[in-house]
């Protein structure tokens, strides 16, 4: 900053992960212009998306507002920790990852070691821990360490398959906590879920958090063509509309009031549209990429017809029109 060295960062990880905000430094800056210089040491490369500069008091004010809203809310708090992103930040990790079809990445230990990450808890209380693992006959025991407290769950099963394991609960204070994973034997870990629980009441499964008193939305649809579907919905609460065609960012859900909803990549496979509306209504799911194809086709068709029209004009007529245009051009020049 202004040619004075402030800090350095080495965003190295074993797994090619997602963009992440890094707190670089805290400076007292005078009013006026300043020069920020970013320099690479030449030993690798860095991808930088954005740099945010926020006044400390305003940052703390917004943080306090958010924390206060979370504390006053009765809504459960749920964290989903992708194993490969959260536990493979250390490039020298003794755990590695593999790709499993339709189930993203799984991590597994190459030798006995504990990998750790940090989790910030905004609201004091009891939190229950779950792990999504691939169980099988050669699997051992997964150990989850929460501030040193060990939670165990067996990953053994006669027939291989994915399953959510209930690891138990821990009372956590507000603030940062250390979460570690290790194993006795071989395990394959996909996700860690952390959910707040009320009055110490244990959850039998993670699905209990999402059981509401509302009925599921009723959805009927009609396929107009491969790029457009008409959908009729009756819903008592907001919901995610799952469209099972392969995910593409140019799909849109268009409500009858003209509101457009962009898709999210659901399950890393299909399109999901968050519909924040209740009642009975219609919407259209349409691939807007086809609009560009249609426009290109129309332009090509007009061009083709124009060329055919020019070829169909007799040569004498063409020369006569050309001479008249030249005469008109000369007359305009003489006048002006």
Foldseek 3Di string as FASTA:
>chain_A
DQPDDQFDDDQAWQDPDDDDDDDTDDDDDDPDDGDDDDDDPPPDDDDDDDDDDDDPVVVVVVVVVVLVVVQPDPQKDKDKAFCRVFFGSDSPDQKDWDQDPLQGIWIKGVDWDKTKGKDFDSYWAKKWKKWKWWADQQFAKKWKAKQRDTFIDGRHDHDTDIDIGGRGMDTDHGGMIMIMIGTDGIIITGIMMMIGDPPPDDDPDPCVSVDDPWDDKDKDWDDPDPFKIKIKIAGPFKDKDWDQDFDDQQKWKAWPVGDIFTFDCPSVTTTITTGGDHGIGMIMIGRCVVVVVVVVVVVVVVVVVVVVVVVPDDPVVVVVVVVVVVVVVVVVVVVD
